[in-house]
Amino acid sequence: MTMEINDKEEGLNNTDSSKNVVKRKTLRTSDLSEDEKMILKTLRSYYKILQETKDVSYFLEDDTFNNILVTLMDDRRHSIITYLTKILLILTEKVDNARKIASISGLQSKLASATEYDFPPKVLKYLLVVQSRLESSKLQRNTTCRNLNRKMFYLKDAKQLVYQFDELNEKQRDDVEKALLSLKGVLSVSVDTEDLKCIVRVKEIVESREVAYRILTAGFDMIKQIINTSDGEMEVFEFYKDQLQDDNLINNLPQYLDEHVDIFNPENCIITNDDLRKAESSSKGWFSTITSYLW
């Protein structure tokens, strides 16, 4: 059995001796230590079982399993962290399960440290997705509490936006997460395929329309934004794909008119540009009066 990993090595070439050359190595199972082989075997077994299990929340009731997650989050071997990330992606698909994982002591702090390590880009990307799901699960729990003092919870420069889908499958959920995580100012994203909701935590400077349009680019014709007012009422705002295209068209228009473009049609104008220029040069008659009045 083999697995591929990215590894940076110092390379020499004819032009720059200090240049880093990225080489793709094939890591054979025979090259692994006995300890790493045993851990990988265990993780693969867990991963396979989780893929075939409809309700994975059962595993989160097992303290031994939870301790394994926390312990291995400190590991910096690419092979191990890759499988651990795959497992966490399955475990955090549902908000309730993500909330349970977020409550495991020490896991989130170690996850944050792992995102700062020099793992392959794909591994880092999915670690950030897991981190975002855990943060969003805590947000959703707190916002459903009626007695919550919202001012105490939110950061000074952050706000939460809620969007509703008419339908949402797992692939669409992944596309929405990727689209939103690439938007500057987004702090966390939680997309629930059961509730058909997307909860996005963003900085105050980010407009709700920007977020809605980014969701629409993931392949939706319409998305609704849900707003709960201070009066306890619920307001719904709809954003459409056609609206996005119209706004893009407007945004692509030039912000000024080229002064060299003659915007008058001589055949339809009572007074043409040529007439005005001639009148101005001659400074005689009623053309001169009109010119002085207009300019």
Protein backbone atom coordinates (compact mmCIF):
# COMPACT_ATOMS: atom_id res chain seq x y z
CA MET A 1 0.00 0.00 0.00
CA THR A 2 1.26 3.48 -0.84
CA MET A 3 0.21 7.04 -0.15
CA GLU A 4 1.34 10.31 -1.67
CA ILE A 5 2.45 13.31 0.35
CA ASN A 6 3.90 16.69 -0.57
CA ASP A 7 7.30 17.43 0.88
CA LYS A 8 9.58 20.44 0.36
CA GLU A 9 13.21 19.74 -0.25
CA GLU A 10 16.13 22.08 -0.83
CA GLY A 11 17.10 21.82 -4.48
CA LEU A 12 19.86 23.28 -6.61
CA ASN A 13 19.50 24.51 -10.15
CA ASN A 14 21.55 26.51 -12.56
CA THR A 15 19.95 29.85 -11.77
CA ASP A 16 19.10 29.91 -8.06
CA SER A 17 20.75 27.66 -5.52
CA SER A 18 18.39 28.75 -2.73
CA LYS A 19 15.19 27.91 -4.54
CA ASN A 20 12.84 25.38 -2.93
CA VAL A 21 11.77 22.55 -5.18
CA VAL A 22 8.50 20.84 -4.29
CA LYS A 23 8.66 17.13 -5.00
CA ARG A 24 5.86 14.62 -4.68
CA LYS A 25 6.99 11.52 -2.85
CA THR A 26 5.29 8.17 -2.62
CA LEU A 27 5.30 6.95 0.95
CA ARG A 28 5.09 3.18 1.15
CA THR A 29 3.49 1.44 4.10
CA SER A 30 6.72 -0.47 4.55
CA ASP A 31 8.45 2.85 5.22
CA LEU A 32 6.17 3.65 8.16
CA SER A 33 7.04 2.92 11.75
CA GLU A 34 5.13 0.20 13.58
CA ASP A 35 3.44 2.86 15.70
CA GLU A 36 2.26 4.79 12.65
CA LYS A 37 1.03 1.61 10.96
CA MET A 38 -1.04 0.71 14.00
CA ILE A 39 -2.57 4.19 14.29
CA LEU A 40 -3.40 4.30 10.58
CA LYS A 41 -5.01 0.88 10.74
CA THR A 42 -7.21 2.03 13.61
CA LEU A 43 -8.16 5.28 11.87
CA ARG A 44 -8.99 3.51 8.62
CA SER A 45 -11.27 1.14 10.50
CA TYR A 46 -13.06 4.01 12.21
CA TYR A 47 -13.35 5.88 8.92
CA LYS A 48 -14.87 2.91 7.10
CA ILE A 49 -17.36 2.27 9.90
CA LEU A 50 -18.39 5.93 10.05
CA GLN A 51 -18.98 5.99 6.28
CA GLU A 52 -21.43 3.10 6.64
CA THR A 53 -23.15 4.40 9.80
CA LYS A 54 -26.27 6.56 9.52
CA ASP A 55 -26.13 7.94 13.06
CA VAL A 56 -22.53 8.68 14.02
CA SER A 57 -23.54 10.40 17.27
CA TYR A 58 -23.17 7.01 18.98
CA PHE A 59 -19.39 7.28 18.69
CA LEU A 60 -19.37 10.64 20.42
CA GLU A 61 -20.80 9.06 23.56
CA ASP A 62 -17.62 6.97 23.84
CA ASP A 63 -15.02 8.75 26.00
CA THR A 64 -12.26 6.52 24.64
CA PHE A 65 -13.07 7.55 21.08
CA ASN A 66 -13.16 11.22 22.06
CA ASN A 67 -9.79 10.93 23.80
CA ILE A 68 -8.32 9.42 20.62
CA LEU A 69 -9.49 12.46 18.65
CA VAL A 70 -7.91 14.87 21.13
CA THR A 71 -4.64 12.94 21.41
CA LEU A 72 -4.11 12.50 17.67
CA MET A 73 -4.85 16.16 16.98
CA ASP A 74 -1.34 16.81 18.34
CA ASP A 75 0.18 14.49 15.73
CA ARG A 76 2.04 16.17 12.89
CA ARG A 77 2.49 13.18 10.59
CA HIS A 78 0.68 13.87 7.34
CA SER A 79 -0.71 10.37 6.94
CA ILE A 80 -2.34 10.40 10.37
CA ILE A 81 -3.73 13.93 10.28
CA THR A 82 -5.19 13.22 6.82
CA TYR A 83 -7.32 10.34 8.09
CA LEU A 84 -8.17 12.19 11.29
CA THR A 85 -9.48 15.09 9.20
CA LYS A 86 -11.60 12.76 7.08
CA ILE A 87 -13.14 11.36 10.26
CA LEU A 88 -13.85 14.82 11.66
CA LEU A 89 -15.52 15.88 8.41
CA ILE A 90 -17.99 13.01 8.74
CA LEU A 91 -18.55 13.65 12.45
CA THR A 92 -19.31 17.34 11.94
CA GLU A 93 -21.75 17.03 9.04
CA LYS A 94 -24.70 17.57 11.38
CA VAL A 95 -24.88 20.58 13.69
CA ASP A 96 -25.80 18.54 16.78
CA ASN A 97 -22.78 16.28 16.34
CA ALA A 98 -20.51 19.24 15.65
CA ARG A 99 -21.74 20.80 18.88
CA LYS A 100 -20.81 17.67 20.82
CA ILE A 101 -17.33 17.61 19.32
CA ALA A 102 -16.90 21.31 20.11
CA SER A 103 -17.59 20.48 23.76
CA ILE A 104 -14.76 17.91 23.95
CA SER A 105 -12.15 19.41 26.26
CA GLY A 106 -8.97 20.55 24.52
CA LEU A 107 -9.99 19.58 20.99
CA GLN A 108 -10.62 23.02 19.55
CA SER A 109 -7.40 24.54 20.87
CA LYS A 110 -5.41 21.67 19.36
CA LEU A 111 -7.34 21.98 16.12
CA ALA A 112 -6.43 25.67 15.97
CA SER A 113 -2.76 24.78 16.42
CA ALA A 114 -2.99 22.17 13.66
CA THR A 115 -4.30 24.76 11.19
CA GLU A 116 -1.08 26.74 11.67
CA TYR A 117 1.18 23.79 10.84
CA ASP A 118 2.72 23.23 7.40
CA PHE A 119 0.34 20.51 6.25
CA PRO A 120 -0.55 20.05 2.55
CA PRO A 121 -3.04 22.71 1.32
CA LYS A 122 -5.90 20.22 0.96
CA VAL A 123 -5.50 19.00 4.55
CA LEU A 124 -5.36 22.57 5.85
CA LYS A 125 -8.45 23.45 3.85
CA TYR A 126 -10.51 20.69 5.44
CA LEU A 127 -9.13 21.41 8.91
CA LEU A 128 -10.47 24.94 8.48
CA VAL A 129 -13.84 23.56 7.36
CA VAL A 130 -14.03 21.46 10.54
CA GLN A 131 -13.00 24.45 12.65
CA SER A 132 -15.70 26.57 11.00
CA ARG A 133 -18.38 23.94 11.63
CA LEU A 134 -17.46 23.71 15.32
CA GLU A 135 -17.60 27.48 15.78
CA SER A 136 -20.90 27.74 13.92
CA SER A 137 -22.49 24.95 15.95
CA LYS A 138 -21.91 26.98 19.12
CA LEU A 139 -23.39 30.05 17.47
CA GLN A 140 -26.54 28.21 16.45
CA ARG A 141 -27.01 26.78 19.94
CA ASN A 142 -26.74 30.20 21.55
CA THR A 143 -29.02 32.00 19.13
CA THR A 144 -31.87 29.54 19.77
CA CYS A 145 -31.86 30.45 23.45
CA ARG A 146 -34.65 33.01 24.02
CA ASN A 147 -33.08 34.58 27.09
CA LEU A 148 -29.71 35.13 25.47
CA ASN A 149 -28.35 38.64 25.70
CA ARG A 150 -27.13 39.02 22.12
CA LYS A 151 -24.85 41.93 22.97
CA MET A 152 -22.95 39.77 25.41
CA PHE A 153 -22.33 37.07 22.82
CA TYR A 154 -21.37 38.88 19.66
CA LEU A 155 -17.97 40.35 19.08
CA LYS A 156 -17.89 44.10 18.69
CA ASP A 157 -17.35 44.01 14.94
CA ALA A 158 -19.19 40.77 14.05
CA LYS A 159 -22.73 39.87 13.07
CA GLN A 160 -24.66 36.73 12.18
CA LEU A 161 -26.65 36.17 8.99
CA VAL A 162 -29.18 33.37 8.45
CA TYR A 163 -30.22 32.07 5.03
CA GLN A 164 -32.88 29.52 4.09
CA PHE A 165 -32.80 27.09 1.14
CA ASP A 166 -35.76 25.49 -0.62
CA GLU A 167 -33.70 22.34 -1.06
CA LEU A 168 -30.13 21.37 -0.22
CA ASN A 169 -28.08 18.21 -0.71
CA GLU A 170 -24.63 17.36 0.61
CA LYS A 171 -22.79 18.38 -2.54
CA GLN A 172 -24.52 21.75 -2.55
CA ARG A 173 -23.64 22.16 1.12
CA ASP A 174 -19.96 21.61 0.34
CA ASP A 175 -20.13 24.07 -2.56
CA VAL A 176 -21.74 26.71 -0.34
CA GLU A 177 -19.09 26.24 2.35
CA LYS A 178 -16.27 26.62 -0.17
CA ALA A 179 -17.86 29.69 -1.75
CA LEU A 180 -18.40 31.44 1.58
CA LEU A 181 -15.04 30.57 3.11
CA SER A 182 -13.36 32.31 0.19
CA LEU A 183 -15.27 35.55 0.88
CA LYS A 184 -13.20 38.12 2.75
CA GLY A 185 -14.70 38.99 6.13
CA VAL A 186 -16.42 35.64 6.75
CA LEU A 187 -15.57 34.32 10.22
CA SER A 188 -17.48 31.02 10.25
CA VAL A 189 -20.01 29.04 8.23
CA SER A 190 -22.56 26.41 9.26
CA VAL A 191 -24.74 24.72 6.63
CA ASP A 192 -27.39 22.23 7.78
CA THR A 193 -28.92 19.93 5.14
CA GLU A 194 -31.76 18.91 7.48
CA ASP A 195 -32.93 22.38 8.52
CA LEU A 196 -32.04 23.76 5.07
CA LYS A 197 -30.32 26.69 6.72
CA CYS A 198 -26.99 28.44 6.41
CA ILE A 199 -25.67 30.47 9.34
CA VAL A 200 -22.80 32.79 8.49
CA ARG A 201 -20.83 34.86 10.98
CA VAL A 202 -19.18 37.84 9.34
CA LYS A 203 -17.50 41.12 10.16
CA GLU A 204 -19.77 44.17 10.34
CA ILE A 205 -18.37 45.58 7.10
CA VAL A 206 -19.69 42.60 5.09
CA GLU A 207 -23.11 43.21 3.53
CA SER A 208 -25.80 40.53 3.64
CA ARG A 209 -26.25 40.93 -0.11
CA GLU A 210 -22.58 40.01 -0.69
CA VAL A 211 -23.05 36.79 1.27
CA ALA A 212 -26.33 35.96 -0.48
CA TYR A 213 -24.80 36.47 -3.90
CA ARG A 214 -21.84 34.30 -3.00
CA ILE A 215 -24.30 31.53 -2.06
CA LEU A 216 -26.13 31.97 -5.37
CA THR A 217 -22.88 31.37 -7.26
CA ALA A 218 -22.87 27.85 -5.80
CA GLY A 219 -25.69 26.92 -8.18
CA PHE A 220 -28.93 28.27 -6.68
CA ASP A 221 -31.66 30.29 -8.41
CA MET A 222 -32.99 31.81 -5.20
CA ILE A 223 -31.98 32.16 -1.54
CA LYS A 224 -33.89 33.68 1.38
CA GLN A 225 -32.42 35.71 4.22
CA ILE A 226 -34.21 35.31 7.56
CA ILE A 227 -34.16 38.24 9.99
CA ASN A 228 -35.67 38.17 13.48
CA THR A 229 -36.64 41.69 14.50
CA SER A 230 -36.54 43.12 18.02
CA ASP A 231 -40.35 42.83 18.08
CA GLY A 232 -40.13 39.07 17.73
CA GLU A 233 -41.29 39.19 14.13
CA MET A 234 -39.57 37.35 11.31
CA GLU A 235 -38.76 39.10 8.05
CA VAL A 236 -37.80 37.30 4.84
CA PHE A 237 -35.75 38.83 2.03
CA GLU A 238 -35.32 36.98 -1.25
CA PHE A 239 -32.27 37.13 -3.51
CA TYR A 240 -32.40 35.79 -7.07
CA LYS A 241 -29.78 34.60 -9.52
CA ASP A 242 -31.20 36.93 -12.19
CA GLN A 243 -30.79 39.81 -9.76
CA LEU A 244 -27.15 38.86 -9.32
CA GLN A 245 -26.60 38.90 -13.07
CA ASP A 246 -28.29 42.31 -13.38
CA ASP A 247 -26.12 43.75 -10.62
CA ASN A 248 -23.01 42.34 -12.26
CA LEU A 249 -24.03 44.02 -15.50
CA ILE A 250 -24.49 47.35 -13.72
CA ASN A 251 -21.19 47.00 -11.90
CA ASN A 252 -19.43 46.32 -15.19
CA LEU A 253 -20.64 49.55 -16.79
CA PRO A 254 -18.05 52.36 -17.05
CA GLN A 255 -18.32 54.92 -14.26
CA TYR A 256 -17.86 57.81 -16.71
CA LEU A 257 -18.63 58.59 -20.31
CA ASP A 258 -15.80 58.87 -22.77
CA GLU A 259 -15.61 62.54 -23.72
CA HIS A 260 -14.57 61.55 -27.23
CA VAL A 261 -17.80 59.67 -27.87
CA ASP A 262 -20.48 61.79 -29.52
CA ILE A 263 -23.64 60.89 -27.63
CA PHE A 264 -25.84 63.10 -29.81
CA ASN A 265 -27.53 61.80 -32.93
CA PRO A 266 -27.55 64.71 -35.43
CA GLU A 267 -30.65 63.36 -37.16
CA ASN A 268 -32.70 63.35 -33.96
CA CYS A 269 -31.31 66.45 -32.23
CA ILE A 270 -32.85 69.88 -32.62
CA ILE A 271 -29.41 71.43 -32.12
CA THR A 272 -26.36 69.36 -32.98
CA ASN A 273 -22.90 69.58 -31.48
CA ASP A 274 -21.61 71.04 -34.74
CA ASP A 275 -24.25 73.77 -34.62
CA LEU A 276 -23.26 74.65 -31.08
CA ARG A 277 -19.56 74.79 -31.92
CA LYS A 278 -20.20 76.98 -34.97
CA ALA A 279 -22.42 79.29 -32.97
CA GLU A 280 -19.85 79.57 -30.22
CA SER A 281 -17.08 80.45 -32.69
CA SER A 282 -19.18 83.06 -34.48
CA SER A 283 -20.73 84.45 -31.27
CA LYS A 284 -23.61 85.82 -33.36
CA GLY A 285 -27.34 85.31 -33.52
CA TRP A 286 -29.62 83.17 -31.42
CA PHE A 287 -27.16 80.20 -31.48
CA SER A 288 -24.78 82.31 -29.40
CA THR A 289 -27.53 83.09 -26.93
CA ILE A 290 -28.43 79.42 -26.52
CA THR A 291 -24.76 78.46 -26.13
CA SER A 292 -24.14 81.01 -23.43
CA TYR A 293 -27.28 79.88 -21.66
CA LEU A 294 -26.37 76.17 -21.74
CA TRP A 295 -22.73 76.57 -20.77
